[in-house]
Amino acid sequence: MFILTYVDDMIVTGTNETEIQSLIEQLKQHFSIKDLGDLHYFLGIEFKHTISGMFLSQIKYIQDLLSKAGMQGAKSSTTPMVGNPPLSKFNGQPIADASLYRSIVGGFHYVTITRPEISYIVNKVSQFMQFPLDTHWKAVKRILWYLVGNVHLGLHFIQSDSLIVTAFCDADWGSDLDDRRSTSGFCVFMGKNLVSWSSKKQALVSRSSTEAKYRSLAYTVCDLIWLLSLFKELHIPHMPSLDQAADIFTKPLSGQFFIRMRNKLHIIPDPTSN
C-alpha cells in the first residue's frame, strides 16, 4: 500500500481494497478527512478510468491557462512550434508584460506532466525568462494556439503484462544560437506506457555531435537507474535472469540456460539445409 500526500491532498492506493479502507477509517479517527472515493482529480490532473487502463489530462488547467493569456477563442495550430527562425536572446524587442510571459511559461511546465509533446519548445522558451522578447512571446502564443486545438489530449496508461523498460535518447548538436550548447532529449517506456521524459539544454558545449549524443545517453542512463531504484521500492520485478540475453557474454552457463540464451541470439541451424 502506498500513500501520496501533498499539503492537504492525499492518494491512497494498493493491491488490497480491504486494507485500503481500513487505513482510511484509522486516519478518520485522528484527522478530519473526506473520502472522495475513486481517484478522479488531483493537483490539477484529471483521471478517467478506461476499459484498458487510465487516462490522464489537464483540460481545466489548460483552459485556465488559455484564459489567463486571453487566448480562449484563438485560432488553433497543428504543431506547438515552427522551425524558423531559431530563438535567440538577441533577436527581437522587449515585451511590455514580462511577468505574464513568466507566468504562462511556468504554467507550461506543469502542463508537460500529461502533455510531453510540448516539452522541447517549453524548454526553449524557458531559457528567456529573465528578459523575454517579442519573438519569444510569439513562440509562447504558438504553444497556446496548439493547446487551443488539442486541449482534450492526454496520456493513456494501459494495462500490460510487459514490464520491460525501453529508453530512447537523442541530441541536437550545437542548436542554441547564443552559446552553441546542445539539447538532450529522452523518453522511457515501461511496456507500452511512457513513464519518463526530458528535454534539456546540456550544461557544457560539446565539440562534436558524437559527444553531444553521449552526454544525452548519460542523462538517460541516470534516469533509468533512478527508475529501476523506484521500481524496486515499489516491489516491481525487473527482468529475470532467464530473459537476460547478455548473460551468455559475462558468465559460464549450464547446458539448459546456455541453449536458452543462444536461442535468444537467434543462433540456429541452417534453415535452408535438408
C-alpha atoms as a PDB file:
ATOM      1  CA  MET A   1       0.000   0.000   0.000  1.00  0.00           C
ATOM      2  CA  PHE A   2       1.235   3.488  -0.861  1.00  0.00           C
ATOM      3  CA  ILE A   3       0.209   6.964   0.274  1.00  0.00           C
ATOM      4  CA  LEU A   4       0.953  10.098  -1.765  1.00  0.00           C
ATOM      5  CA  THR A   5       0.459  13.323   0.185  1.00  0.00           C
ATOM      6  CA  TYR A   6       0.758  16.929  -0.986  1.00  0.00           C
ATOM      7  CA  VAL A   7      -0.210  19.504   1.670  1.00  0.00           C
ATOM      8  CA  ASP A   8      -3.847  18.515   2.389  1.00  0.00           C
ATOM      9  CA  ASP A   9      -4.436  16.286  -0.660  1.00  0.00           C
ATOM     10  CA  MET A  10      -3.847  12.558  -0.450  1.00  0.00           C
ATOM     11  CA  ILE A  11      -3.943   9.480  -2.675  1.00  0.00           C
ATOM     12  CA  VAL A  12      -4.076   6.015  -1.093  1.00  0.00           C
ATOM     13  CA  THR A  13      -3.518   3.051  -3.385  1.00  0.00           C
ATOM     14  CA  GLY A  14      -2.574  -0.586  -3.107  1.00  0.00           C
ATOM     15  CA  THR A  15      -3.439  -4.146  -4.075  1.00  0.00           C
ATOM     16  CA  ASN A  16      -5.884  -4.883  -1.244  1.00  0.00           C
ATOM     17  CA  GLU A  17      -9.108  -2.848  -1.167  1.00  0.00           C
ATOM     18  CA  THR A  18      -9.999  -4.049   2.339  1.00  0.00           C
ATOM     19  CA  GLU A  19      -6.681  -2.854   3.753  1.00  0.00           C
ATOM     20  CA  ILE A  20      -7.064   0.500   1.995  1.00  0.00           C
ATOM     21  CA  GLN A  21     -10.487   1.069   3.563  1.00  0.00           C
ATOM     22  CA  SER A  22      -9.127   0.001   6.955  1.00  0.00           C
ATOM     23  CA  LEU A  23      -6.357   2.592   6.701  1.00  0.00           C
ATOM     24  CA  ILE A  24      -8.823   5.322   5.708  1.00  0.00           C
ATOM     25  CA  GLU A  25     -11.001   4.519   8.739  1.00  0.00           C
ATOM     26  CA  GLN A  26      -7.961   4.694  11.009  1.00  0.00           C
ATOM     27  CA  LEU A  27      -6.996   8.070   9.541  1.00  0.00           C
ATOM     28  CA  LYS A  28     -10.517   9.364  10.190  1.00  0.00           C
ATOM     29  CA  GLN A  29     -10.055   8.626  13.867  1.00  0.00           C
ATOM     30  CA  HIS A  30      -7.144  11.071  14.080  1.00  0.00           C
ATOM     31  CA  PHE A  31      -7.776  13.608  11.309  1.00  0.00           C
ATOM     32  CA  SER A  32     -10.704  15.393   9.741  1.00  0.00           C
ATOM     33  CA  ILE A  33     -10.652  13.900   6.239  1.00  0.00           C
ATOM     34  CA  LYS A  34     -13.125  13.466   3.404  1.00  0.00           C
ATOM     35  CA  ASP A  35     -13.031  10.298   1.327  1.00  0.00           C
ATOM     36  CA  LEU A  36     -13.770  11.247  -2.277  1.00  0.00           C
ATOM     37  CA  GLY A  37     -13.823   7.654  -3.488  1.00  0.00           C
ATOM     38  CA  ASP A  38     -12.059   6.566  -6.658  1.00  0.00           C
ATOM     39  CA  LEU A  39      -9.356   8.889  -7.972  1.00  0.00           C
ATOM     40  CA  HIS A  40     -10.744  11.478 -10.394  1.00  0.00           C
ATOM     41  CA  TYR A  41      -8.862  14.746  -9.789  1.00  0.00           C
ATOM     42  CA  PHE A  42      -5.574  15.507  -8.064  1.00  0.00           C
ATOM     43  CA  LEU A  43      -3.497  18.702  -8.188  1.00  0.00           C
ATOM     44  CA  GLY A  44      -4.986  19.864 -11.489  1.00  0.00           C
ATOM     45  CA  ILE A  45      -4.658  16.443 -13.135  1.00  0.00           C
ATOM     46  CA  GLU A  46      -7.841  14.675 -14.227  1.00  0.00           C
ATOM     47  CA  PHE A  47      -8.022  10.866 -14.042  1.00  0.00           C
ATOM     48  CA  LYS A  48     -10.524   8.825 -16.031  1.00  0.00           C
ATOM     49  CA  HIS A  49     -10.783   5.054 -15.790  1.00  0.00           C
ATOM     50  CA  THR A  50     -10.996   3.329 -19.162  1.00  0.00           C
ATOM     51  CA  ILE A  51     -11.626  -0.263 -20.198  1.00  0.00           C
ATOM     52  CA  SER A  52      -7.913  -0.856 -20.715  1.00  0.00           C
ATOM     53  CA  GLY A  53      -6.361   1.472 -18.149  1.00  0.00           C
ATOM     54  CA  MET A  54      -6.409   5.123 -17.083  1.00  0.00           C
ATOM     55  CA  PHE A  55      -6.456   8.421 -18.990  1.00  0.00           C
ATOM     56  CA  LEU A  56      -4.670  11.472 -17.548  1.00  0.00           C
ATOM     57  CA  SER A  57      -5.398  15.006 -18.772  1.00  0.00           C
ATOM     58  CA  GLN A  58      -5.333  18.629 -17.619  1.00  0.00           C
ATOM     59  CA  ILE A  59      -8.269  20.098 -19.517  1.00  0.00           C
ATOM     60  CA  LYS A  60      -9.378  22.561 -16.838  1.00  0.00           C
ATOM     61  CA  TYR A  61      -5.815  23.628 -16.053  1.00  0.00           C
ATOM     62  CA  ILE A  62      -5.083  24.285 -19.737  1.00  0.00           C
ATOM     63  CA  GLN A  63      -8.339  26.190 -20.165  1.00  0.00           C
ATOM     64  CA  ASP A  64      -7.463  28.370 -17.174  1.00  0.00           C
ATOM     65  CA  LEU A  65      -4.031  28.993 -18.702  1.00  0.00           C
ATOM     66  CA  LEU A  66      -5.617  29.997 -22.012  1.00  0.00           C
ATOM     67  CA  SER A  67      -7.982  32.327 -20.148  1.00  0.00           C
ATOM     68  CA  LYS A  68      -5.085  33.981 -18.317  1.00  0.00           C
ATOM     69  CA  ALA A  69      -3.419  34.656 -21.679  1.00  0.00           C
ATOM     70  CA  GLY A  70      -6.688  35.832 -23.263  1.00  0.00           C
ATOM     71  CA  MET A  71      -6.475  33.063 -25.884  1.00  0.00           C
ATOM     72  CA  GLN A  72      -9.721  31.125 -25.288  1.00  0.00           C
ATOM     73  CA  GLY A  73     -11.096  31.785 -28.772  1.00  0.00           C
ATOM     74  CA  ALA A  74      -7.786  31.956 -30.612  1.00  0.00           C
ATOM     75  CA  LYS A  75      -7.074  30.080 -33.805  1.00  0.00           C
ATOM     76  CA  SER A  76      -5.632  26.612 -33.442  1.00  0.00           C
ATOM     77  CA  SER A  77      -2.328  25.221 -34.700  1.00  0.00           C
ATOM     78  CA  THR A  78      -1.425  21.645 -35.587  1.00  0.00           C
ATOM     79  CA  THR A  79       2.073  21.908 -34.058  1.00  0.00           C
ATOM     80  CA  PRO A  80       3.391  23.770 -30.983  1.00  0.00           C
ATOM     81  CA  MET A  81       6.346  25.384 -32.763  1.00  0.00           C
ATOM     82  CA  VAL A  82       7.949  26.312 -36.066  1.00  0.00           C
ATOM     83  CA  GLY A  83      11.492  25.511 -37.146  1.00  0.00           C
ATOM     84  CA  ASN A  84      12.418  29.007 -38.269  1.00  0.00           C
ATOM     85  CA  PRO A  85      13.552  31.461 -37.231  1.00  0.00           C
ATOM     86  CA  PRO A  86      15.528  29.908 -34.332  1.00  0.00           C
ATOM     87  CA  LEU A  87      15.017  31.628 -30.979  1.00  0.00           C
ATOM     88  CA  SER A  88      17.773  33.869 -29.679  1.00  0.00           C
ATOM     89  CA  LYS A  89      18.157  36.347 -26.830  1.00  0.00           C
ATOM     90  CA  PHE A  90      19.435  38.930 -29.310  1.00  0.00           C
ATOM     91  CA  ASN A  91      16.679  38.845 -31.953  1.00  0.00           C
ATOM     92  CA  GLY A  92      13.592  40.865 -31.097  1.00  0.00           C
ATOM     93  CA  GLN A  93      12.224  43.702 -28.991  1.00  0.00           C
ATOM     94  CA  PRO A  94      11.391  43.705 -25.272  1.00  0.00           C
ATOM     95  CA  ILE A  95       7.749  42.961 -24.444  1.00  0.00           C
ATOM     96  CA  ALA A  96       5.563  45.130 -22.219  1.00  0.00           C
ATOM     97  CA  ASP A  97       4.494  42.456 -19.721  1.00  0.00           C
ATOM     98  CA  ALA A  98       7.388  40.153 -18.852  1.00  0.00           C
ATOM     99  CA  SER A  99       5.555  38.886 -15.741  1.00  0.00           C
ATOM    100  CA  LEU A 100       2.760  37.428 -17.901  1.00  0.00           C
ATOM    101  CA  TYR A 101       5.364  35.676 -20.036  1.00  0.00           C
ATOM    102  CA  ARG A 102       6.941  34.117 -16.969  1.00  0.00           C
ATOM    103  CA  SER A 103       3.569  33.087 -15.544  1.00  0.00           C
ATOM    104  CA  ILE A 104       2.400  31.416 -18.766  1.00  0.00           C
ATOM    105  CA  VAL A 105       5.706  29.612 -19.340  1.00  0.00           C
ATOM    106  CA  GLY A 106       5.693  28.432 -15.723  1.00  0.00           C
ATOM    107  CA  GLY A 107       2.226  27.017 -16.358  1.00  0.00           C
ATOM    108  CA  PHE A 108       3.514  25.195 -19.430  1.00  0.00           C
ATOM    109  CA  HIS A 109       5.947  23.261 -17.244  1.00  0.00           C
ATOM    110  CA  TYR A 110       3.048  21.837 -15.256  1.00  0.00           C
ATOM    111  CA  VAL A 111       1.148  21.000 -18.451  1.00  0.00           C
ATOM    112  CA  THR A 112       4.027  18.776 -19.592  1.00  0.00           C
ATOM    113  CA  ILE A 113       3.001  16.297 -16.881  1.00  0.00           C
ATOM    114  CA  THR A 114       0.340  14.990 -19.261  1.00  0.00           C
ATOM    115  CA  ARG A 115       1.474  16.654 -22.490  1.00  0.00           C
ATOM    116  CA  PRO A 116       5.104  15.610 -23.008  1.00  0.00           C
ATOM    117  CA  GLU A 117       4.968  16.509 -26.713  1.00  0.00           C
ATOM    118  CA  ILE A 118       5.421  20.210 -25.858  1.00  0.00           C
ATOM    119  CA  SER A 119       8.469  19.591 -23.643  1.00  0.00           C
ATOM    120  CA  TYR A 120      11.018  20.674 -26.262  1.00  0.00           C
ATOM    121  CA  ILE A 121       9.505  24.068 -27.057  1.00  0.00           C
ATOM    122  CA  VAL A 122       8.704  24.710 -23.387  1.00  0.00           C
ATOM    123  CA  ASN A 123      12.380  24.080 -22.647  1.00  0.00           C
ATOM    124  CA  LYS A 124      13.318  26.610 -25.346  1.00  0.00           C
ATOM    125  CA  VAL A 125      11.002  29.450 -24.239  1.00  0.00           C
ATOM    126  CA  SER A 126      12.047  28.863 -20.611  1.00  0.00           C
ATOM    127  CA  GLN A 127      15.568  29.991 -21.484  1.00  0.00           C
ATOM    128  CA  PHE A 128      14.387  33.598 -21.941  1.00  0.00           C
ATOM    129  CA  MET A 129      12.501  34.137 -18.690  1.00  0.00           C
ATOM    130  CA  GLN A 130      14.859  36.859 -17.477  1.00  0.00           C
ATOM    131  CA  PHE A 131      14.453  39.140 -20.497  1.00  0.00           C
ATOM    132  CA  PRO A 132      11.728  37.924 -22.896  1.00  0.00           C
ATOM    133  CA  LEU A 133      11.442  39.484 -26.352  1.00  0.00           C
ATOM    134  CA  ASP A 134       8.552  39.708 -28.797  1.00  0.00           C
ATOM    135  CA  THR A 135       9.941  36.766 -30.784  1.00  0.00           C
ATOM    136  CA  HIS A 136       9.818  34.653 -27.638  1.00  0.00           C
ATOM    137  CA  TRP A 137       6.254  35.755 -26.943  1.00  0.00           C
ATOM    138  CA  LYS A 138       5.281  34.698 -30.477  1.00  0.00           C
ATOM    139  CA  ALA A 139       6.686  31.252 -29.695  1.00  0.00           C
ATOM    140  CA  VAL A 140       4.617  31.161 -26.491  1.00  0.00           C
ATOM    141  CA  LYS A 141       1.484  32.106 -28.425  1.00  0.00           C
ATOM    142  CA  ARG A 142       2.190  29.294 -30.875  1.00  0.00           C
ATOM    143  CA  ILE A 143       2.145  26.831 -27.954  1.00  0.00           C
ATOM    144  CA  LEU A 144      -1.147  28.321 -26.774  1.00  0.00           C
ATOM    145  CA  TRP A 145      -2.624  28.033 -30.288  1.00  0.00           C
ATOM    146  CA  TYR A 146      -1.613  24.386 -30.320  1.00  0.00           C
ATOM    147  CA  LEU A 147      -3.251  23.770 -26.945  1.00  0.00           C
ATOM    148  CA  VAL A 148      -6.452  25.541 -28.065  1.00  0.00           C
ATOM    149  CA  GLY A 149      -6.984  22.973 -30.787  1.00  0.00           C
ATOM    150  CA  ASN A 150      -5.778  19.977 -28.746  1.00  0.00           C
ATOM    151  CA  VAL A 151      -6.993  20.718 -25.224  1.00  0.00           C
ATOM    152  CA  HIS A 152      -8.600  17.288 -24.780  1.00  0.00           C
ATOM    153  CA  LEU A 153      -5.452  15.255 -25.444  1.00  0.00           C
ATOM    154  CA  GLY A 154      -3.728  13.430 -22.594  1.00  0.00           C
ATOM    155  CA  LEU A 155      -1.701  10.417 -21.552  1.00  0.00           C
ATOM    156  CA  HIS A 156      -3.292   6.977 -21.667  1.00  0.00           C
ATOM    157  CA  PHE A 157      -1.793   4.303 -19.447  1.00  0.00           C
ATOM    158  CA  ILE A 158      -2.895   0.806 -20.419  1.00  0.00           C
ATOM    159  CA  GLN A 159      -2.728  -2.482 -18.574  1.00  0.00           C
ATOM    160  CA  SER A 160       0.155  -4.591 -19.800  1.00  0.00           C
ATOM    161  CA  ASP A 161       1.805  -7.861 -18.927  1.00  0.00           C
ATOM    162  CA  SER A 162       5.141  -6.494 -20.089  1.00  0.00           C
ATOM    163  CA  LEU A 163       7.419  -4.831 -17.534  1.00  0.00           C
ATOM    164  CA  ILE A 164      10.273  -4.369 -19.994  1.00  0.00           C
ATOM    165  CA  VAL A 165      11.807  -0.893 -19.719  1.00  0.00           C
ATOM    166  CA  THR A 166      12.804   0.690 -23.035  1.00  0.00           C
ATOM    167  CA  ALA A 167      14.565   4.055 -23.433  1.00  0.00           C
ATOM    168  CA  PHE A 168      15.253   6.299 -26.420  1.00  0.00           C
ATOM    169  CA  CYS A 169      17.569   9.296 -26.444  1.00  0.00           C
ATOM    170  CA  ASP A 170      18.861  11.865 -28.901  1.00  0.00           C
ATOM    171  CA  ALA A 171      20.732  15.165 -29.034  1.00  0.00           C
ATOM    172  CA  ASP A 172      20.568  18.228 -31.260  1.00  0.00           C
ATOM    173  CA  TRP A 173      24.217  19.286 -31.547  1.00  0.00           C
ATOM    174  CA  GLY A 174      25.023  22.970 -31.004  1.00  0.00           C
ATOM    175  CA  SER A 175      21.420  24.016 -31.605  1.00  0.00           C
ATOM    176  CA  ASP A 176      21.482  27.061 -29.310  1.00  0.00           C
ATOM    177  CA  LEU A 177      22.435  30.120 -31.359  1.00  0.00           C
ATOM    178  CA  ASP A 178      23.678  32.068 -28.355  1.00  0.00           C
ATOM    179  CA  ASP A 179      26.002  29.647 -26.553  1.00  0.00           C
ATOM    180  CA  ARG A 180      26.222  26.696 -29.028  1.00  0.00           C
ATOM    181  CA  ARG A 181      25.173  24.213 -26.375  1.00  0.00           C
ATOM    182  CA  SER A 182      23.246  21.118 -27.434  1.00  0.00           C
ATOM    183  CA  THR A 183      19.818  19.887 -26.411  1.00  0.00           C
ATOM    184  CA  SER A 184      19.352  16.408 -24.922  1.00  0.00           C
ATOM    185  CA  GLY A 185      16.097  14.512 -25.035  1.00  0.00           C
ATOM    186  CA  PHE A 186      14.963  11.100 -23.877  1.00  0.00           C
ATOM    187  CA  CYS A 187      11.825   9.096 -23.227  1.00  0.00           C
ATOM    188  CA  VAL A 188      11.408   5.906 -21.224  1.00  0.00           C
ATOM    189  CA  PHE A 189       8.642   3.338 -21.674  1.00  0.00           C
ATOM    190  CA  MET A 190       7.545   0.591 -19.328  1.00  0.00           C
ATOM    191  CA  GLY A 191       5.865  -1.860 -21.634  1.00  0.00           C
ATOM    192  CA  LYS A 192       3.858   0.425 -23.935  1.00  0.00           C
ATOM    193  CA  ASN A 193       3.446   3.177 -21.339  1.00  0.00           C
ATOM    194  CA  LEU A 194       5.516   6.352 -21.321  1.00  0.00           C
ATOM    195  CA  VAL A 195       6.770   6.830 -17.755  1.00  0.00           C
ATOM    196  CA  SER A 196       9.592   9.371 -18.005  1.00  0.00           C
ATOM    197  CA  TRP A 197      10.822  12.007 -20.465  1.00  0.00           C
ATOM    198  CA  SER A 198      13.011  15.081 -20.657  1.00  0.00           C
ATOM    199  CA  SER A 199      14.145  17.867 -22.972  1.00  0.00           C
ATOM    200  CA  LYS A 200      17.075  19.798 -21.539  1.00  0.00           C
ATOM    201  CA  LYS A 201      19.925  22.003 -22.684  1.00  0.00           C
ATOM    202  CA  GLN A 202      23.293  20.431 -21.936  1.00  0.00           C
ATOM    203  CA  ALA A 203      25.455  22.080 -19.286  1.00  0.00           C
ATOM    204  CA  LEU A 204      28.616  22.173 -21.433  1.00  0.00           C
ATOM    205  CA  VAL A 205      29.473  22.812 -25.068  1.00  0.00           C
ATOM    206  CA  SER A 206      30.000  19.558 -26.953  1.00  0.00           C
ATOM    207  CA  ARG A 207      32.780  19.588 -29.547  1.00  0.00           C
ATOM    208  CA  SER A 208      31.092  17.056 -31.812  1.00  0.00           C
ATOM    209  CA  SER A 209      27.711  15.501 -32.464  1.00  0.00           C
ATOM    210  CA  THR A 210      29.059  12.244 -31.044  1.00  0.00           C
ATOM    211  CA  GLU A 211      29.985  13.932 -27.769  1.00  0.00           C
ATOM    212  CA  ALA A 212      26.538  15.546 -27.600  1.00  0.00           C
ATOM    213  CA  LYS A 213      24.847  12.186 -28.104  1.00  0.00           C
ATOM    214  CA  TYR A 214      26.994  10.538 -25.440  1.00  0.00           C
ATOM    215  CA  ARG A 215      26.007  13.255 -22.972  1.00  0.00           C
ATOM    216  CA  SER A 216      22.369  12.599 -23.833  1.00  0.00           C
ATOM    217  CA  LEU A 217      22.929   8.885 -23.304  1.00  0.00           C
ATOM    218  CA  ALA A 218      24.469   9.589 -19.891  1.00  0.00           C
ATOM    219  CA  TYR A 219      21.407  11.635 -18.848  1.00  0.00           C
ATOM    220  CA  THR A 220      19.174   8.781 -19.979  1.00  0.00           C
ATOM    221  CA  VAL A 221      21.122   6.151 -18.062  1.00  0.00           C
ATOM    222  CA  CYS A 222      20.933   8.269 -14.885  1.00  0.00           C
ATOM    223  CA  ASP A 223      17.158   8.426 -15.247  1.00  0.00           C
ATOM    224  CA  LEU A 224      16.973   4.680 -15.863  1.00  0.00           C
ATOM    225  CA  ILE A 225      18.998   3.962 -12.730  1.00  0.00           C
ATOM    226  CA  TRP A 226      16.645   6.149 -10.700  1.00  0.00           C
ATOM    227  CA  LEU A 227      13.575   4.470 -12.217  1.00  0.00           C
ATOM    228  CA  LEU A 228      14.908   0.985 -11.520  1.00  0.00           C
ATOM    229  CA  SER A 229      15.520   2.032  -7.924  1.00  0.00           C
ATOM    230  CA  LEU A 230      11.939   3.313  -7.714  1.00  0.00           C
ATOM    231  CA  PHE A 231      10.572   0.101  -9.227  1.00  0.00           C
ATOM    232  CA  LYS A 232      12.500  -1.897  -6.642  1.00  0.00           C
ATOM    233  CA  GLU A 233      10.980   0.211  -3.852  1.00  0.00           C
ATOM    234  CA  LEU A 234       7.510  -0.375  -5.348  1.00  0.00           C
ATOM    235  CA  HIS A 235       8.234  -4.133  -5.485  1.00  0.00           C
ATOM    236  CA  ILE A 236       8.018  -4.192  -9.269  1.00  0.00           C
ATOM    237  CA  PRO A 237      10.208  -7.079 -10.505  1.00  0.00           C
ATOM    238  CA  HIS A 238      12.995  -6.359 -13.016  1.00  0.00           C
ATOM    239  CA  MET A 239      13.929  -8.549 -15.949  1.00  0.00           C
ATOM    240  CA  PRO A 240      14.502 -12.101 -14.648  1.00  0.00           C
ATOM    241  CA  SER A 241      17.836 -13.783 -15.283  1.00  0.00           C
ATOM    242  CA  LEU A 242      16.076 -16.256 -17.550  1.00  0.00           C
ATOM    243  CA  ASP A 243      15.480 -13.420 -20.039  1.00  0.00           C
ATOM    244  CA  GLN A 244      18.827 -11.636 -19.703  1.00  0.00           C
ATOM    245  CA  ALA A 245      20.433 -12.472 -23.041  1.00  0.00           C
ATOM    246  CA  ALA A 246      23.671 -10.705 -22.145  1.00  0.00           C
ATOM    247  CA  ASP A 247      24.420 -13.364 -19.522  1.00  0.00           C
ATOM    248  CA  ILE A 248      25.989 -15.529 -22.236  1.00  0.00           C
ATOM    249  CA  PHE A 249      28.692 -12.852 -22.676  1.00  0.00           C
ATOM    250  CA  THR A 250      29.552 -12.473 -18.986  1.00  0.00           C
ATOM    251  CA  LYS A 251      29.479 -15.842 -17.234  1.00  0.00           C
ATOM    252  CA  PRO A 252      29.521 -19.615 -17.763  1.00  0.00           C
ATOM    253  CA  LEU A 253      26.036 -21.099 -18.036  1.00  0.00           C
ATOM    254  CA  SER A 254      24.659 -24.592 -17.557  1.00  0.00           C
ATOM    255  CA  GLY A 255      23.557 -26.508 -20.625  1.00  0.00           C
ATOM    256  CA  GLN A 256      19.870 -25.626 -20.329  1.00  0.00           C
ATOM    257  CA  PHE A 257      20.407 -21.913 -19.792  1.00  0.00           C
ATOM    258  CA  PHE A 258      23.197 -21.751 -22.378  1.00  0.00           C
ATOM    259  CA  ILE A 259      20.874 -23.114 -25.059  1.00  0.00           C
ATOM    260  CA  ARG A 260      18.109 -20.738 -23.943  1.00  0.00           C
ATOM    261  CA  MET A 261      20.406 -17.721 -24.271  1.00  0.00           C
ATOM    262  CA  ARG A 262      21.818 -18.996 -27.565  1.00  0.00           C
ATOM    263  CA  ASN A 263      18.320 -19.225 -28.964  1.00  0.00           C
ATOM    264  CA  LYS A 264      17.665 -15.629 -27.887  1.00  0.00           C
ATOM    265  CA  LEU A 265      20.600 -14.599 -30.076  1.00  0.00           C
ATOM    266  CA  HIS A 266      18.876 -16.372 -32.993  1.00  0.00           C
ATOM    267  CA  ILE A 267      21.774 -18.774 -33.462  1.00  0.00           C
ATOM    268  CA  ILE A 268      20.073 -21.692 -35.197  1.00  0.00           C
ATOM    269  CA  PRO A 269      20.865 -24.482 -37.688  1.00  0.00           C
ATOM    270  CA  ASP A 270      20.898 -23.503 -41.337  1.00  0.00           C
ATOM    271  CA  PRO A 271      17.166 -23.253 -42.220  1.00  0.00           C
ATOM    272  CA  THR A 272      17.912 -23.922 -45.891  1.00  0.00           C
ATOM    273  CA  SER A 273      19.561 -27.272 -45.276  1.00  0.00           C
ATOM    274  CA  ASN A 274      17.638 -30.545 -45.573  1.00  0.00           C
END
